[in-house]
Each structure stands twice: as structure tokens, then as C-alpha cells.
Protein backbone atom coordinates (compact mmCIF):
# COMPACT_ATOMS: atom_id res chain seq x y z
CA MET A 1 0.03 0.01 -0.01
CA ALA A 2 2.07 2.93 -1.32
CA GLN A 3 1.80 6.25 0.52
CA SER A 4 2.87 9.64 -0.67
CA LYS A 5 3.59 10.63 2.86
CA PRO A 6 3.83 8.69 6.15
CA GLN A 7 0.43 7.65 7.47
CA ILE A 8 -0.61 9.04 10.92
CA VAL A 9 -2.05 6.18 12.75
CA VAL A 10 -3.67 5.90 16.17
CA VAL A 11 -3.81 2.53 17.93
CA THR A 12 -5.69 1.99 21.28
CA GLY A 13 -4.53 -0.85 23.38
CA ALA A 14 -1.21 -0.42 21.77
CA SER A 15 1.11 -1.73 24.48
CA ALA A 16 0.47 -5.58 24.14
CA GLY A 17 -1.26 -8.18 22.23
CA VAL A 18 -2.86 -7.37 18.87
CA GLY A 19 -2.22 -3.63 19.43
CA ARG A 20 1.44 -4.22 19.92
CA ALA A 21 1.66 -6.28 16.75
CA THR A 22 -0.33 -3.68 14.88
CA VAL A 23 2.04 -0.78 15.71
CA ARG A 24 4.95 -2.87 14.60
CA GLU A 25 3.23 -3.56 11.27
CA PHE A 26 2.51 0.11 10.61
CA ALA A 27 5.95 1.04 11.72
CA ARG A 28 7.36 -1.34 9.04
CA HIS A 29 5.63 0.81 6.58
CA GLY A 30 7.07 4.06 7.90
CA ALA A 31 3.97 5.35 9.68
CA LYS A 32 3.83 7.86 12.44
CA VAL A 33 2.13 5.95 15.17
CA ALA A 34 0.31 7.25 18.25
CA LEU A 35 0.23 4.59 21.00
CA LEU A 36 -2.63 4.79 23.48
CA ALA A 37 -2.72 2.45 26.44
CA ARG A 38 -2.48 2.42 30.25
CA GLY A 39 0.75 0.58 30.92
CA THR A 40 3.57 3.19 30.73
CA ASP A 41 6.41 0.63 30.75
CA ARG A 42 4.94 -1.36 27.90
CA LEU A 43 4.14 1.82 25.97
CA ALA A 44 7.85 2.70 26.19
CA ALA A 45 8.88 -0.68 24.91
CA ALA A 46 6.36 -0.59 22.20
CA ALA A 47 7.65 2.96 21.12
CA ASN A 48 11.16 1.47 20.92
CA GLU A 49 9.90 -1.13 18.56
CA VAL A 50 8.19 1.43 16.39
CA ARG A 51 11.55 3.35 16.12
CA ALA A 52 13.38 0.17 15.35
CA GLY A 53 10.89 -0.68 12.65
CA GLY A 54 11.30 2.62 10.79
CA GLY A 55 8.27 4.48 12.22
CA ILE A 56 7.87 7.51 14.49
CA PRO A 57 6.11 6.84 17.83
CA LEU A 58 4.05 9.11 20.11
CA VAL A 59 3.27 7.70 23.49
CA ILE A 60 0.09 8.92 25.16
CA PRO A 61 -0.97 7.05 28.42
CA THR A 62 -4.69 6.83 28.09
CA ASP A 63 -7.71 5.04 29.68
CA VAL A 64 -10.07 4.72 26.75
CA ALA A 65 -12.97 4.40 29.33
CA SER A 66 -12.63 8.14 29.74
CA ALA A 67 -13.97 10.21 26.81
CA ASP A 68 -12.01 13.22 28.07
CA GLN A 69 -8.68 11.32 28.05
CA VAL A 70 -9.36 10.04 24.44
CA GLU A 71 -10.25 13.54 23.19
CA SER A 72 -7.14 15.06 24.85
CA ALA A 73 -5.07 12.35 23.20
CA ALA A 74 -6.57 13.18 19.80
CA GLU A 75 -5.72 16.85 20.22
CA LYS A 76 -2.12 16.05 21.20
CA ILE A 77 -1.71 13.66 18.20
CA GLU A 78 -2.78 16.33 15.74
CA GLN A 79 -0.62 18.95 17.40
CA GLU A 80 2.57 16.77 17.43
CA LEU A 81 2.14 14.37 14.44
CA GLY A 82 -0.33 15.94 12.19
CA GLU A 83 -3.76 15.05 10.77
CA ILE A 84 -4.89 11.59 11.68
CA ASP A 85 -5.30 9.25 8.71
CA VAL A 86 -6.22 5.95 10.46
CA TRP A 87 -7.74 5.46 13.95
CA ILE A 88 -7.72 1.83 15.17
CA ASN A 89 -9.97 1.03 18.12
CA ASN A 90 -8.51 -2.19 19.76
CA ALA A 91 -8.34 -1.69 23.55
CA MET A 92 -10.27 -4.33 25.54
CA VAL A 93 -10.60 -6.00 28.90
CA THR A 94 -12.67 -9.04 29.84
CA VAL A 95 -13.77 -11.17 32.80
CA PHE A 96 -13.96 -14.90 32.51
CA SER A 97 -16.95 -15.83 34.68
CA PRO A 98 -20.47 -17.22 34.67
CA PHE A 99 -22.73 -14.19 34.44
CA VAL A 100 -24.44 -14.80 37.79
CA GLU A 101 -20.97 -14.61 39.53
CA MET A 102 -20.03 -11.28 38.09
CA SER A 103 -20.47 -7.98 39.97
CA ALA A 104 -22.16 -4.94 38.42
CA ALA A 105 -18.85 -3.04 38.66
CA GLU A 106 -17.04 -5.75 36.65
CA PHE A 107 -19.64 -5.79 33.91
CA GLN A 108 -19.59 -2.00 33.78
CA ARG A 109 -15.87 -1.81 33.44
CA VAL A 110 -15.71 -4.37 30.63
CA THR A 111 -18.45 -2.39 28.85
CA GLU A 112 -16.72 0.97 29.35
CA VAL A 113 -13.40 -0.17 27.96
CA THR A 114 -14.38 -2.69 25.31
CA TYR A 115 -17.49 -0.91 23.93
CA LEU A 116 -17.56 2.75 25.07
CA GLY A 117 -13.73 2.95 24.46
CA PHE A 118 -14.55 2.32 20.78
CA VAL A 119 -17.37 4.82 20.88
CA TYR A 120 -15.20 7.54 22.33
CA GLY A 121 -12.37 6.80 19.95
CA THR A 122 -14.76 6.93 16.93
CA MET A 123 -16.19 10.19 18.19
CA SER A 124 -12.76 11.87 18.44
CA ALA A 125 -11.66 10.51 15.02
CA LEU A 126 -14.86 11.61 13.33
CA LYS A 127 -14.65 15.09 14.84
CA ARG A 128 -11.57 15.62 12.81
CA MET A 129 -11.97 13.34 9.82
CA ILE A 130 -15.49 14.53 8.63
CA ALA A 131 -14.30 18.09 8.34
CA ARG A 132 -11.45 16.92 6.07
CA ASP A 133 -13.73 14.41 4.23
CA ARG A 134 -11.18 11.61 4.51
CA GLY A 135 -9.83 9.06 6.86
CA CYS A 136 -10.46 5.49 8.00
CA ILE A 137 -11.64 4.13 11.35
CA ILE A 138 -10.92 0.49 12.02
CA GLN A 139 -12.84 -1.41 14.79
CA VAL A 140 -11.05 -4.54 15.99
CA GLY A 141 -13.99 -6.92 16.22
CA SER A 142 -14.30 -10.65 16.96
CA ALA A 143 -16.01 -13.76 15.89
CA LEU A 144 -17.79 -13.37 19.24
CA ALA A 145 -19.53 -10.36 17.78
CA TYR A 146 -21.76 -12.78 15.95
CA ARG A 147 -21.58 -15.98 18.02
CA SER A 148 -21.47 -15.45 21.70
CA ILE A 149 -19.85 -18.03 24.01
CA PRO A 150 -20.48 -18.78 27.67
CA LEU A 151 -18.21 -17.30 30.44
CA GLN A 152 -17.59 -14.02 28.48
CA SER A 153 -21.00 -12.35 28.59
CA ALA A 154 -19.68 -8.79 29.05
CA TYR A 155 -17.07 -9.08 26.37
CA CYS A 156 -19.40 -10.73 23.92
CA GLY A 157 -22.04 -8.05 24.48
CA ALA A 158 -19.49 -5.30 23.92
CA LYS A 159 -18.38 -6.85 20.63
CA HIS A 160 -22.01 -7.24 19.46
CA ALA A 161 -22.58 -3.60 20.37
CA ILE A 162 -19.62 -2.45 18.33
CA VAL A 163 -21.12 -3.92 15.17
CA GLY A 164 -24.45 -2.33 15.83
CA PHE A 165 -23.15 1.17 16.42
CA THR A 166 -20.63 1.01 13.59
CA ASP A 167 -23.31 -0.09 11.07
CA SER A 168 -25.41 2.87 12.15
CA ILE A 169 -22.65 5.41 11.74
CA ARG A 170 -21.69 3.99 8.41
CA SER A 171 -25.14 4.51 7.04
CA GLU A 172 -25.02 8.16 8.29
CA LEU A 173 -21.65 8.75 6.57
CA ILE A 174 -23.03 7.28 3.32
CA HIS A 175 -26.18 9.43 3.53
CA ASN A 176 -23.82 12.49 3.84
CA HIS A 177 -21.63 11.35 0.97
CA SER A 178 -18.68 11.42 3.30
CA GLY A 179 -15.24 10.31 2.24
CA VAL A 180 -14.61 8.88 5.73
CA ARG A 181 -14.60 5.03 5.75
CA MET A 182 -15.27 2.57 8.61
CA THR A 183 -14.13 -1.07 8.62
CA ILE A 184 -14.51 -3.84 11.19
CA VAL A 185 -11.78 -6.56 11.33
CA HIS A 186 -13.17 -9.67 13.09
CA LEU A 187 -10.59 -11.84 14.67
CA PRO A 188 -10.47 -15.59 15.85
CA ALA A 189 -8.77 -16.69 19.05
CA MET A 190 -5.45 -14.93 19.33
CA ASN A 191 -2.27 -15.88 21.23
CA THR A 192 -2.04 -12.71 23.33
CA PRO A 193 -1.08 -12.05 26.96
CA GLN A 194 -4.73 -11.21 27.95
CA PHE A 195 -5.30 -14.74 29.19
CA ASP A 196 -2.55 -14.26 31.86
CA TRP A 197 -3.86 -10.98 33.18
CA CYS A 198 -7.65 -10.90 32.58
CA ARG A 199 -9.91 -11.17 35.56
CA THR A 200 -11.28 -14.64 36.06
CA HIS A 201 -13.66 -16.35 38.45
CA LEU A 202 -12.89 -19.77 36.90
CA PRO A 203 -11.31 -22.59 38.84
CA ARG A 204 -8.64 -23.11 36.12
CA GLN A 205 -6.54 -20.61 34.14
CA PRO A 206 -8.33 -19.22 31.03
CA GLN A 207 -7.18 -19.96 27.52
CA PRO A 208 -8.11 -19.06 23.96
CA VAL A 209 -10.36 -21.60 22.19
CA PRO A 210 -8.31 -23.44 19.47
CA PRO A 211 -7.39 -23.05 16.75
CA ILE A 212 -5.18 -20.18 17.94
CA TYR A 213 -3.65 -17.49 15.72
CA GLU A 214 -0.55 -15.35 16.29
CA PRO A 215 -1.21 -11.59 16.75
CA GLU A 216 0.84 -10.72 13.67
CA VAL A 217 -1.92 -12.36 11.55
CA ALA A 218 -4.36 -9.81 12.97
CA ALA A 219 -1.92 -6.92 12.53
CA ARG A 220 -1.45 -7.78 8.74
CA ALA A 221 -5.22 -7.84 8.23
CA ILE A 222 -5.69 -4.52 10.14
CA PHE A 223 -2.98 -2.90 7.92
CA GLU A 224 -4.49 -4.16 4.76
CA ALA A 225 -7.93 -2.96 5.90
CA SER A 226 -6.54 0.59 6.49
CA ASP A 227 -7.40 1.64 2.95
CA GLY A 228 -11.04 1.65 4.00
CA ARG A 229 -12.30 -0.26 0.86
CA ARG A 230 -13.85 -3.17 2.82
CA ARG A 231 -16.79 -3.05 4.98
CA GLU A 232 -15.81 -6.10 7.16
CA VAL A 233 -12.84 -8.42 7.18
CA PHE A 234 -13.16 -11.97 8.66
CA VAL A 235 -9.71 -13.37 9.71
CA GLY A 236 -9.35 -17.10 9.89
CA ALA A 237 -11.72 -20.03 9.05
CA PRO A 238 -13.04 -20.19 12.61
CA THR A 239 -14.35 -16.62 12.30
CA VAL A 240 -16.15 -17.44 9.10
CA LEU A 241 -17.61 -20.55 10.66
CA ALA A 242 -18.82 -18.60 13.69
CA VAL A 243 -20.32 -15.71 11.65
CA GLU A 244 -22.06 -17.79 8.91
CA GLY A 245 -22.83 -20.92 10.86
CA THR A 246 -24.86 -19.13 13.54
CA LYS A 247 -27.16 -17.78 10.96
CA PHE A 248 -28.26 -21.33 10.05
CA VAL A 249 -28.14 -23.20 13.29
CA PRO A 250 -28.15 -20.89 16.30
CA GLY A 251 -29.97 -23.26 18.57
CA MET A 252 -27.57 -26.15 17.82
CA ALA A 253 -24.68 -23.78 18.45
CA ASP A 254 -26.20 -22.79 21.76
CA ARG A 255 -26.36 -26.48 22.89
CA TYR A 256 -22.96 -27.31 21.52
CA LEU A 257 -21.33 -24.41 23.48
CA ALA A 258 -23.26 -25.35 26.55
CA GLU A 259 -21.58 -28.78 26.30
CA LYS A 260 -18.08 -27.83 25.02
CA GLY A 261 -17.63 -24.10 25.71
CA PHE A 262 -16.76 -24.26 29.37
CA ASP A 263 -13.79 -26.72 29.42
CA SER A 264 -12.43 -25.45 26.08
CA GLN A 265 -11.81 -21.99 27.68
CA MET A 266 -9.76 -23.40 30.56
CA THR A 267 -6.39 -25.03 30.84
CA THR A 268 -5.63 -27.82 33.36
CA GLU A 269 -3.77 -25.34 35.57
CA PRO A 270 -5.50 -24.05 38.71
CA VAL A 271 -5.93 -20.35 39.19
CA THR A 272 -3.28 -19.23 41.63
CA SER A 273 -4.18 -17.26 44.76
CA GLY A 274 -3.71 -13.49 44.47
CA ARG A 275 -3.48 -13.62 40.66
CA ALA A 276 -3.16 -9.98 39.36
CA ASP A 277 -5.53 -8.72 36.67
CA ASN A 278 -5.84 -5.70 34.49
CA LEU A 279 -9.51 -4.88 34.79
CA PHE A 280 -9.06 -1.65 36.66
CA LEU A 281 -5.33 -1.14 36.77
CA PRO A 282 -2.58 -2.31 34.28
CA VAL A 283 -0.49 -5.24 35.22
CA PRO A 284 3.34 -4.48 35.49
CA GLY A 285 5.82 -6.05 33.07
CA ASP A 286 6.43 -6.10 29.40
CA TYR A 287 4.27 -8.83 27.94
CA ALA A 288 4.75 -7.71 24.28
CA ALA A 289 2.42 -9.05 21.53
CA ARG A 290 2.41 -12.80 21.92
CA GLY A 291 1.11 -14.85 24.85
CA ARG A 292 2.07 -18.37 26.03
CA PHE A 293 -0.24 -20.33 23.72
CA GLY A 294 1.91 -20.12 20.63
CA MET A 295 3.01 -23.62 20.29
CA ASN A 296 0.19 -24.47 18.05
CA GLY A 297 -0.49 -20.90 16.89
CA ASN A 298 -1.22 -20.22 13.25
CA SER A 299 1.10 -17.61 11.63
CA VAL A 300 -0.86 -17.41 8.42
CA SER A 301 -4.60 -16.83 8.09
CA GLU A 302 -5.93 -19.29 5.44
CA THR A 303 -9.15 -17.30 5.19
CA ALA A 304 -9.59 -13.52 5.06
CA TRP A 305 -13.09 -12.92 3.63
CA THR A 306 -14.53 -9.55 3.05
CA SER A 307 -18.15 -8.50 2.85
CA SER A 308 -17.60 -7.62 -0.87
CA PHE A 309 -16.25 -11.11 -1.86
CA PRO A 310 -18.36 -11.96 -5.01
CA SER A 311 -18.97 -15.63 -4.11
CA ARG A 312 -19.61 -15.05 -0.44
CA ALA A 313 -23.30 -15.81 -0.53
CA ILE A 314 -22.63 -19.31 -2.10
CA LEU A 315 -19.75 -20.12 0.24
CA ALA A 316 -21.80 -18.88 3.26
CA GLY A 317 -24.50 -21.37 2.41
CA ALA A 318 -21.99 -24.12 2.16
CA THR A 319 -20.50 -23.11 5.42
CA GLY A 320 -23.80 -23.07 7.15
CA LEU A 321 -24.70 -26.51 5.97
CA GLY A 322 -21.40 -27.89 6.96
CA VAL A 323 -21.71 -26.34 10.47
CA ALA A 324 -25.20 -27.68 10.79
CA ALA A 325 -24.00 -31.26 9.84
CA TYR A 326 -21.11 -31.07 12.28
CA LEU A 327 -23.02 -29.81 15.21
CA ALA A 328 -25.81 -32.35 14.57
CA ALA A 329 -23.30 -35.15 14.53
CA ARG A 330 -21.82 -34.00 17.88
CA LEU A 331 -25.10 -33.25 19.60
CA PHE A 332 -27.17 -36.08 18.25
CA PRO A 333 -24.76 -38.98 17.68
CA LYS A 334 -27.50 -41.57 17.95
CA MET A 335 -29.24 -40.05 14.89
CA ARG A 336 -26.34 -40.86 12.66
CA ARG A 337 -26.80 -43.72 10.27
CA ALA A 338 -24.86 -46.88 10.89
């Protein structure tokens, strides 16, 4: 993606995980990158990686749950780096827990960061981009925006909400013939540090549901989406299965996840006493982009569909039928023919 001048890019949740991999990817292409997150030590380390990769970093410690902090960050970015070309909403927190065991404060915090943080970032970006009639906003979504799973009700709710409010705003931009574009990049299970520092009420350590992808896969998809030409991008075959399959057999999926969705999100390791989490305060240490589930991680996404793919309707039908057959075989084994 050739650029006549360095892109000015904002990444929230930039200090670790997918955000950390994303700032590295844009740095490789010479971008000026504003890094927004809470953990100051990790932000400094990420900034060093941006410099090493050929980009120019600007570190702004920010809690995206505060609209004032996000707007203040946007002002500083345009003062010090210039006009924002791409704003990437990525910051998230989650709580692994049955819903009935969560507190109202926990649910509120997940919603404020993982949903309202995207709202506030989008507000600050549009405030500047609409006046210039250009720019791209990328929402980092999830397969869980279409197919919720047990034990992550707050996170799944936030990801569903992101799709809803983004679709609404996109229609408004089209109505006004705006040159600003909005794209959602939906991700599968990622090998990031979040599973070591998220809050959990589970008896065993949380883990991503296999198959697991490396964060660099997401970073490349986010970079490619920054031209704003695609409405949605689905990274990895599991994301396509989740998005398309639930349209055909949502009830079967509910029952399958009720059976398999609990153990698949936990390792065999017990949760240690006094385990630190990042729900309200950042956890110290430099966790970088990758987590500890990389042994079987996929470094290449075999599937990256977009909403404009010409044969998607045909392939979606085939996917839905395949998912239905698979779930039926798992849930109703006695119905299979001998």
C-alpha cells in the first residue's frame, strides 16, 4: 500500500497483544504511530519497537474508558504528528466468569473499555475526519460479535454492540456522501497475553479456544484494511464458521457451546491465589504481542473474507450447511446412520 507521505495512525490498546503487533506492522511501513494504552512501561517498549521498525512513535498514556482522556489524546496527536489518517480502536478487557458470579462493577468496566472505548475513539476521530472528508476508522472486532460463547457475557455483549453502532454510523456517513470510511476486522482466538492478566472467576486458568492465531496475523489484516475499501474483514476459518454458521443453526450452536464451551476455555492449571488482573489497573511487566499459547499458533490466516467477496453468498450457504451437519453429529450422535 504505497503512501505519498507517512500515514498518521492511532492505535488504542497499543502496548500489548494485537495492538502491539499492529503498531509494529504500521512502523514497518514508515507510519507515524500514536500509541494509546494504560501501561507506561509497555508503551515505552512498544515505542522503541516502532523506532526500530522505521516508524515515528508518540506515546500517550490513556484510559479509553474516559472520553476526556481520548479527546485530549486526539488533540495532542494532531498537534505533534499531524492530521490523523487511520484510527484503530482495539483496547479491551474481559472477565471470565459465569454471568451470575459477576459484579455490576465488573460488567460495567468491561463495557466501558471494550465498547464505550470504541465509541469515544470513533467520536474523536470523526470530529476531525469529517471536516477533512477523509480518513479510516478500524474497529477490531471478533467472531464473538456474531456468535457469543459462555463465560464471557460482558465481552461478547460489547463486541456485538460495536457492530451495531458502527453499522449505524456507516449509514450516516453514506447518507452524507462522506469520504470517511469505517471497517471492522473480526478476529479468531489470538495468542496474546490477555489470558494471563484478565480477571477470572474460573477454577482453572483461562485460555483461547483453539485453533489459535498469532497476533501478527491480525496486524497484517488490520494494515490491509486501512485503505477503507472493505466493510468487514473476517480473519481465519473459525471466524467465518462462527459468523456464517450461527445464521443457520443458532440453537444447535447454543447447545454445543453449553456442552463444550466451558472446558475449552480453561487449561488444566488451577488459578493461583492472588492472581493479578488488568480490569481496573494495568499489570506491570512487558508482555509484548504474543502470549504463551503459541506452540500451535497459526502464523498465516488461510481465510480472510470480506463482505464484498463476490461468491460469499454461495460459500456462506455451504459453510452453514457444513456447520449444521457437524453440530448435529456432535449433539445427536444416535441419529447418525450406521
